[in-house]
Structure formats: structure tokens, C-alpha cells
Amino acid sequence: MIPPTATTAFIANTDFGWFSHFLHRVEPPDEVDFWQPSPHGFKAIPPGAPFFFRLGAPHKAIAGFGFFARYERVPVWLAWESFGDKNGTDTFAEMAARIEAIRRRTGSALLARPQDYEVGCIMISQPVFFPHGDWVADHADWRPRTQSGKTIDVSSGDGRRVLAECLERASRLRPEAEPLAEELRRYGAPRTVQPRLGQGTFRIAVTSAYGACAVSGEHSLPALEAAHVRPYADGGAHALPNGLLLRADIHRLYDTGYVTVTPDYRFRVSPDLFGDFQNGREYERFAGRAITVPRALAEQPDPEMLDWHGAEVFRG
């Protein structure tokens, strides 16, 4: 296998039903979940590298592409809550049935409750799906026995041809994709791009980075939510430096300004919480404490964003 670099991409064998679900959407998705029914990891390419959707027999063509954003192993219910029909099915029941059908076919263990399954989420940003007349010819070195997919070099040879044709189609079919295509062309040799995370990828990324509420330490997943420091609707990004994992009640208070986190990662409670509701003792016990942040610096909340929340949202 080619080592993952800025010139590598991945061609993935793609279920035709999953593909068709997106092709016929009225609004193109900003992200999709290319899930594994039995999670086994994904380290073939770095974040930002091209990810091609290949249809098997009888089609044998590349029918779309996007950019790899992140991989995480999560409960199937969280994948559904995060991505909804961007998982390639109309309902959770349909997704669970498809998982069971694949696991039954491959001899994998079946579980009594569908929500107990785990899936591997290969999260793809900025996907483009091509109608039949725009499908791209198979990679010249594709082998019929290839199972899940293969890594290719897109800096030369047939890999370069595949990427060029996909970029041409993306520019024509999705005008909003042209700036990205032009950026890739300008640099000559292909390179990774900074994938724009969608809401679903953001939620799973924040959940994985923290693992528990940053304030209370609660780690029951159904009680936790990925909070934006600066709301997306107000110019904030779906990005880890703009995220906090919070218990649902603390998230509500954070969004309404009754609590905040200071740039030095300490929790503050507004006097208005008691003044407006004559309560708040549950949250006062965390006041002044340092929150728990991810170890990786790139995943920690941006102090400038926290300062913005304290100045613009907090009822200090």
C-alpha cells in the first residue's frame, strides 16, 4: 500500500443504494458518513485527501468523490443522531437493517438490539455525486478481488487522471466547488485540503476528543452534546477549537449566557442564574474550577473564542 501522504487518495467500493440516496437529494449534502458495519479502522489517507466513491459490477466506475475529514468508531445511534439521512438511508431502522444484512452475509455476530451496534464512521466533507453520464472510468490498476478499496497516487499516472476528471465534473455540476478545484489545479501536484467539517463530523469529533463533559465529568453519551463556543449561525466554525463537550443542561445555560468558560479554562456562573430563577446551586459547585480539555493542543478550545463568549454572550 502507498504510504499516506499529500499525494495519496483512496478509492472505496461503494454500495449502489447508499450512492443513489445522495444522487437524488434535492440539496447536495455538505458531508456524508461512509460507515463500516463492523468497525476496523481507517488510516489509508490523511485528513483532507481525496476519497473516491467507486461502484462495483455491473457499473465499474467512479461516481463521485469528497475529502476525508475524520474516522471514529461510535455507537450506531450516535452516528444516526449526528448525520441522520447523510448516513445514506432514510431512517434509522433502514440503517440498522442494512447493518444486520451485511453482518449476516459476512458471518459477523448479530446483536439483539440494533442500537447496540458500533460502526466505523469515515466522515467525508464536500462530497459530489455524479449522474450516470458523468461517471469516471475505473482506475487502470483496479483489481477485481479488491474488497473495501485501495490507496492510489494522484500525483501522476492514472490516479492524476481520475482526480482531474472528478474536479472537472465537480466544477461543472457544483459551481460552488470551483474555488476548491481551482486551488488544487494552481498548485500543480495534488495536495491535501483543509476539509470543512459539517455539523455531524463536528459532533462526533468533539465527543471523541473529550469523552466526558468538560465541566461535570459526566460520561453518559446520551446526556452529552457538542457545544459551539461561537454559534455557527453567528460566524463560528464546525471545528474542534470552537467546541466544548457539555452535559445537555450545562449546554443550554452556556448558549443562553448563564455560564461561561474563561480563556484560562475555568468555569464561571453568572449571578443572573440565581437572580432570574432563585436557584443554580448545582452549577455553583463547579464555579472557579478548571474544566477538562483534550490533551492535543489542536483540539483544545481557542482562548480567543472563549473570550468572545465571555464578552458577547455571558451575563457577567
Protein backbone atom coordinates (compact mmCIF):
# COMPACT_ATOMS: atom_id res chain seq x y z
CA MET A 1 0.00 0.00 0.00
CA ILE A 2 1.17 3.55 -0.77
CA PRO A 3 2.14 5.42 2.43
CA PRO A 4 -0.44 8.12 3.30
CA THR A 5 0.91 11.47 2.05
CA ALA A 6 -0.39 14.65 0.44
CA THR A 7 -0.36 12.86 -2.94
CA THR A 8 -2.42 9.82 -1.93
CA ALA A 9 -6.15 9.26 -2.25
CA PHE A 10 -8.50 6.37 -1.58
CA ILE A 11 -10.90 4.61 -3.93
CA ALA A 12 -13.70 2.96 -1.92
CA ASN A 13 -16.03 0.22 -3.09
CA THR A 14 -19.42 1.86 -2.65
CA ASP A 15 -22.88 0.35 -2.17
CA PHE A 16 -25.13 1.44 -5.05
CA GLY A 17 -28.09 2.00 -2.71
CA TRP A 18 -26.00 4.29 -0.49
CA PHE A 19 -24.80 6.21 -3.56
CA SER A 20 -28.29 6.54 -5.09
CA HIS A 21 -29.65 8.01 -1.86
CA PHE A 22 -27.42 11.07 -2.28
CA LEU A 23 -27.69 11.37 -6.05
CA HIS A 24 -31.42 12.08 -5.84
CA ARG A 25 -31.35 14.56 -2.94
CA VAL A 26 -32.74 18.00 -3.76
CA GLU A 27 -30.00 19.72 -1.75
CA PRO A 28 -26.44 18.30 -2.07
CA PRO A 29 -25.05 17.29 1.34
CA ASP A 30 -22.10 19.16 2.83
CA GLU A 31 -20.86 15.92 4.44
CA VAL A 32 -21.65 12.21 4.44
CA ASP A 33 -20.89 9.22 6.64
CA PHE A 34 -19.33 6.34 4.70
CA TRP A 35 -19.83 3.88 7.54
CA GLN A 36 -18.31 0.47 8.19
CA PRO A 37 -20.87 -2.08 9.52
CA SER A 38 -18.06 -3.73 11.51
CA PRO A 39 -15.56 -1.03 12.53
CA HIS A 40 -11.97 -1.91 11.65
CA GLY A 41 -10.29 1.50 11.46
CA PHE A 42 -9.18 3.69 8.59
CA LYS A 43 -5.62 5.02 8.24
CA ALA A 44 -5.17 4.83 4.48
CA ILE A 45 -5.04 8.58 3.81
CA PRO A 46 -4.56 11.79 5.84
CA PRO A 47 -7.38 14.24 6.54
CA GLY A 48 -8.01 16.42 3.51
CA ALA A 49 -7.07 13.78 0.95
CA PRO A 50 -9.48 12.87 -1.90
CA PHE A 51 -11.86 9.96 -1.30
CA PHE A 52 -13.46 8.44 -4.42
CA PHE A 53 -16.76 6.54 -4.50
CA ARG A 54 -16.42 3.54 -6.81
CA LEU A 55 -19.42 1.48 -7.91
CA GLY A 56 -18.85 -2.23 -8.45
CA ALA A 57 -20.24 -4.55 -11.11
CA PRO A 58 -22.05 -4.03 -13.37
CA HIS A 59 -21.15 -0.33 -13.24
CA LYS A 60 -17.39 -0.44 -12.56
CA ALA A 61 -16.92 3.32 -12.47
CA ILE A 62 -16.12 6.17 -10.10
CA ALA A 63 -19.35 8.01 -9.44
CA GLY A 64 -18.29 10.78 -7.08
CA PHE A 65 -15.74 11.96 -4.54
CA GLY A 66 -15.15 14.11 -1.50
CA PHE A 67 -12.41 14.80 1.05
CA PHE A 68 -11.64 12.59 4.03
CA ALA A 69 -12.28 14.51 7.26
CA ARG A 70 -12.07 12.07 10.17
CA TYR A 71 -12.57 8.48 11.30
CA GLU A 72 -14.16 7.43 14.59
CA ARG A 73 -15.72 4.26 15.99
CA VAL A 74 -19.08 5.15 17.57
CA PRO A 75 -22.42 3.60 18.60
CA VAL A 76 -24.75 3.42 15.63
CA TRP A 77 -27.35 5.58 17.41
CA LEU A 78 -24.77 8.38 17.71
CA ALA A 79 -23.89 8.06 14.02
CA TRP A 80 -27.59 8.40 13.21
CA GLU A 81 -28.18 11.32 15.58
CA SER A 82 -25.11 13.08 14.17
CA PHE A 83 -25.67 12.50 10.44
CA GLY A 84 -29.30 11.43 10.01
CA ASP A 85 -30.01 10.58 6.38
CA LYS A 86 -26.46 11.60 5.48
CA ASN A 87 -25.70 8.02 6.52
CA GLY A 88 -27.23 7.03 3.16
CA THR A 89 -30.62 5.77 4.43
CA ASP A 90 -33.95 7.46 5.04
CA THR A 91 -34.47 6.11 8.57
CA PHE A 92 -32.52 4.65 11.49
CA ALA A 93 -34.46 1.40 11.09
CA GLU A 94 -33.29 1.14 7.48
CA MET A 95 -29.68 1.77 8.51
CA ALA A 96 -29.88 -0.89 11.24
CA ALA A 97 -31.43 -3.37 8.81
CA ARG A 98 -28.64 -2.74 6.30
CA ILE A 99 -26.01 -3.30 9.01
CA GLU A 100 -27.60 -6.58 10.02
CA ALA A 101 -27.89 -7.75 6.41
CA ILE A 102 -24.19 -7.08 5.80
CA ARG A 103 -23.12 -8.67 9.08
CA ARG A 104 -25.26 -11.72 8.35
CA ARG A 105 -23.72 -12.05 4.89
CA THR A 106 -20.18 -11.77 6.25
CA GLY A 107 -20.74 -14.05 9.24
CA SER A 108 -20.31 -11.31 11.85
CA ALA A 109 -22.10 -11.52 15.19
CA LEU A 110 -25.66 -10.23 15.40
CA LEU A 111 -26.97 -8.33 18.42
CA ALA A 112 -30.44 -8.37 19.97
CA ARG A 113 -30.85 -4.58 19.90
CA PRO A 114 -29.94 -2.56 16.77
CA GLN A 115 -28.83 0.44 18.85
CA ASP A 116 -26.07 -1.69 20.43
CA TYR A 117 -24.10 -1.98 17.20
CA GLU A 118 -20.96 0.08 16.67
CA VAL A 119 -19.98 1.44 13.27
CA GLY A 120 -16.80 2.92 11.88
CA CYS A 121 -17.59 6.44 10.65
CA ILE A 122 -15.46 7.51 7.68
CA MET A 123 -16.58 11.13 7.53
CA ILE A 124 -16.36 12.76 4.12
CA SER A 125 -16.51 16.53 3.59
CA GLN A 126 -17.75 18.40 0.49
CA PRO A 127 -18.94 15.31 -1.43
CA VAL A 128 -20.05 15.48 -5.06
CA PHE A 129 -22.11 12.70 -6.69
CA PHE A 130 -22.18 12.33 -10.48
CA PRO A 131 -25.17 11.31 -12.63
CA HIS A 132 -24.63 8.26 -14.83
CA GLY A 133 -23.42 10.18 -17.87
CA ASP A 134 -20.62 11.78 -15.87
CA TRP A 135 -19.16 8.70 -14.21
CA VAL A 136 -15.36 8.46 -14.42
CA ALA A 137 -13.68 5.39 -15.89
CA ASP A 138 -12.22 2.93 -13.38
CA HIS A 139 -8.64 3.33 -12.20
CA ALA A 140 -6.41 1.38 -14.60
CA ASP A 141 -4.81 -0.69 -11.83
CA TRP A 142 -8.03 -1.70 -10.07
CA ARG A 143 -8.12 -5.40 -9.22
CA PRO A 144 -11.46 -7.29 -9.20
CA ARG A 145 -10.64 -9.00 -5.90
CA THR A 146 -10.18 -5.70 -4.06
CA GLN A 147 -12.63 -5.71 -1.15
CA SER A 148 -13.09 -2.41 0.67
CA GLY A 149 -10.89 -0.22 -1.52
CA LYS A 150 -7.34 0.83 -2.31
CA THR A 151 -4.92 3.72 -1.88
CA ILE A 152 -3.68 5.37 -5.07
CA ASP A 153 -1.14 8.01 -6.03
CA VAL A 154 -2.85 11.06 -7.57
CA SER A 155 0.35 12.95 -8.39
CA SER A 156 0.96 11.04 -11.63
CA GLY A 157 -0.34 8.34 -13.95
CA ASP A 158 -3.94 7.18 -13.91
CA GLY A 159 -4.50 8.50 -10.39
CA ARG A 160 -3.86 12.01 -11.65
CA ARG A 161 -6.33 11.41 -14.49
CA VAL A 162 -9.03 10.25 -12.06
CA LEU A 163 -8.61 13.32 -9.84
CA ALA A 164 -8.56 15.72 -12.82
CA GLU A 165 -11.76 14.27 -14.26
CA CYS A 166 -13.51 14.37 -10.90
CA LEU A 167 -12.50 18.01 -10.39
CA GLU A 168 -13.79 18.90 -13.86
CA ARG A 169 -17.15 17.32 -13.13
CA ALA A 170 -17.38 18.90 -9.69
CA SER A 171 -16.74 22.36 -11.16
CA ARG A 172 -19.44 21.85 -13.78
CA LEU A 173 -22.07 20.16 -11.63
CA ARG A 174 -21.49 22.10 -8.42
CA PRO A 175 -20.37 25.68 -9.21
CA GLU A 176 -19.67 26.28 -5.52
CA ALA A 177 -16.92 23.64 -5.76
CA GLU A 178 -14.96 25.58 -8.39
CA PRO A 179 -12.80 27.60 -5.94
CA LEU A 180 -11.56 24.36 -4.36
CA ALA A 181 -10.88 22.78 -7.75
CA GLU A 182 -9.00 25.87 -8.89
CA GLU A 183 -6.89 25.83 -5.73
CA LEU A 184 -5.86 22.24 -6.37
CA ARG A 185 -5.03 22.99 -10.02
CA ARG A 186 -2.99 26.07 -9.15
CA TYR A 187 -0.57 24.06 -7.04
CA GLY A 188 0.06 21.54 -9.81
CA ALA A 189 0.75 18.37 -7.85
CA PRO A 190 -2.29 17.37 -5.79
CA ARG A 191 -2.21 18.16 -2.11
CA THR A 192 -4.48 17.76 0.87
CA VAL A 193 -7.02 20.48 1.55
CA GLN A 194 -8.41 21.66 4.85
CA PRO A 195 -11.74 19.79 5.00
CA ARG A 196 -14.70 21.92 6.08
CA LEU A 197 -16.36 19.94 8.84
CA GLY A 198 -20.12 19.66 8.86
CA GLN A 199 -22.35 19.52 11.93
CA GLY A 200 -22.28 15.71 12.12
CA THR A 201 -18.50 15.44 11.90
CA PHE A 202 -18.17 18.26 14.44
CA ARG A 203 -20.38 16.46 16.93
CA ILE A 204 -18.52 13.17 16.67
CA ALA A 205 -15.11 14.87 16.67
CA VAL A 206 -15.90 16.84 19.85
CA THR A 207 -17.41 13.77 21.53
CA SER A 208 -14.33 11.71 20.75
CA ALA A 209 -11.85 14.43 21.76
CA TYR A 210 -13.39 14.98 25.21
CA GLY A 211 -15.10 11.70 26.10
CA ALA A 212 -16.90 13.35 29.04
CA CYS A 213 -18.48 16.67 29.94
CA ALA A 214 -15.69 19.25 30.22
CA VAL A 215 -17.33 20.74 33.33
CA SER A 216 -19.03 17.93 35.28
CA GLY A 217 -17.12 14.86 34.10
CA GLU A 218 -20.38 13.14 33.11
CA HIS A 219 -19.57 10.48 30.51
CA SER A 220 -23.01 9.00 29.70
CA LEU A 221 -23.10 9.69 25.96
CA PRO A 222 -26.87 10.28 25.64
CA ALA A 223 -26.56 13.15 28.14
CA LEU A 224 -23.74 14.92 26.29
CA GLU A 225 -23.83 17.48 23.48
CA ALA A 226 -21.22 19.19 21.33
CA ALA A 227 -21.48 22.91 22.02
CA HIS A 228 -20.17 25.70 19.79
CA VAL A 229 -18.27 28.39 21.68
CA ARG A 230 -19.27 30.86 18.97
CA PRO A 231 -22.52 29.72 17.32
CA TYR A 232 -22.32 28.58 13.72
CA ALA A 233 -25.12 30.98 12.81
CA ASP A 234 -23.02 33.82 14.25
CA GLY A 235 -19.86 33.06 12.28
CA GLY A 236 -18.44 30.22 14.36
CA ALA A 237 -16.97 27.19 12.62
CA HIS A 238 -17.71 23.47 12.96
CA ALA A 239 -14.16 22.99 14.31
CA LEU A 240 -12.67 21.50 17.46
CA PRO A 241 -11.15 24.82 18.67
CA ASN A 242 -14.71 26.18 18.61
CA GLY A 243 -16.18 23.24 20.52
CA LEU A 244 -16.85 22.02 24.05
CA LEU A 245 -18.47 18.76 25.13
CA LEU A 246 -21.08 19.63 27.75
CA ARG A 247 -23.87 17.93 29.64
CA ALA A 248 -27.17 18.93 28.00
CA ASP A 249 -28.32 21.21 30.83
CA ILE A 250 -24.95 22.98 31.02
CA HIS A 251 -25.01 23.38 27.23
CA ARG A 252 -28.36 25.21 27.47
CA LEU A 253 -27.02 27.52 30.15
CA TYR A 254 -23.87 28.12 28.11
CA ASP A 255 -25.81 29.07 24.98
CA THR A 256 -28.03 31.46 26.94
CA GLY A 257 -25.12 33.10 28.78
CA TYR A 258 -25.76 31.93 32.32
CA VAL A 259 -22.39 30.16 32.41
CA THR A 260 -19.13 30.54 30.51
CA VAL A 261 -15.57 29.22 30.31
CA THR A 262 -12.74 31.71 30.64
CA PRO A 263 -9.72 31.81 28.29
CA ASP A 264 -7.69 30.06 31.01
CA TYR A 265 -10.27 27.22 31.01
CA ARG A 266 -12.15 27.99 34.22
CA PHE A 267 -15.90 27.69 34.67
CA ARG A 268 -17.92 30.78 35.65
CA VAL A 269 -21.55 31.12 36.68
CA SER A 270 -23.47 34.37 36.19
CA PRO A 271 -25.21 35.95 39.21
CA ASP A 272 -28.25 36.21 36.92
CA LEU A 273 -28.81 32.47 37.22
CA PHE A 274 -29.82 32.85 40.86
CA GLY A 275 -31.39 36.26 40.27
CA ASP A 276 -33.66 35.00 37.49
CA PHE A 277 -34.53 31.57 38.88
CA GLN A 278 -33.67 31.64 42.61
CA ASN A 279 -31.61 28.50 42.07
CA GLY A 280 -28.38 27.30 40.49
CA ARG A 281 -26.64 25.52 43.35
CA GLU A 282 -25.95 22.53 41.07
CA TYR A 283 -23.77 24.75 38.89
CA GLU A 284 -22.22 26.92 41.60
CA ARG A 285 -20.34 23.87 42.87
CA PHE A 286 -18.31 23.92 39.63
CA ALA A 287 -17.68 27.68 39.70
CA GLY A 288 -13.99 28.60 39.54
CA ARG A 289 -12.89 25.06 38.72
CA ALA A 290 -10.69 24.27 35.74
CA ILE A 291 -12.54 22.38 33.04
CA THR A 292 -11.11 19.25 31.43
CA VAL A 293 -9.79 19.79 27.89
CA PRO A 294 -8.32 17.37 25.33
CA ARG A 295 -4.60 16.66 25.59
CA ALA A 296 -3.88 17.59 21.97
CA LEU A 297 -3.37 21.34 21.66
CA ALA A 298 -5.10 21.41 18.27
CA GLU A 299 -8.27 20.01 19.87
CA GLN A 300 -8.43 22.42 22.82
CA PRO A 301 -10.86 25.37 22.75
CA ASP A 302 -9.43 28.58 21.32
CA PRO A 303 -8.92 31.17 24.12
CA GLU A 304 -9.95 33.95 21.72
CA MET A 305 -13.25 32.20 21.05
CA LEU A 306 -13.79 31.73 24.79
CA ASP A 307 -13.06 35.40 25.34
CA TRP A 308 -15.65 36.26 22.67
CA HIS A 309 -18.28 34.19 24.50
CA GLY A 310 -17.44 35.88 27.81
CA ALA A 311 -17.78 39.34 26.26
CA GLU A 312 -20.73 38.80 23.91
CA VAL A 313 -22.91 36.08 25.46
CA PHE A 314 -22.10 35.71 29.18
CA ARG A 315 -24.33 37.64 31.56
CA GLY A 316 -21.41 38.78 33.67
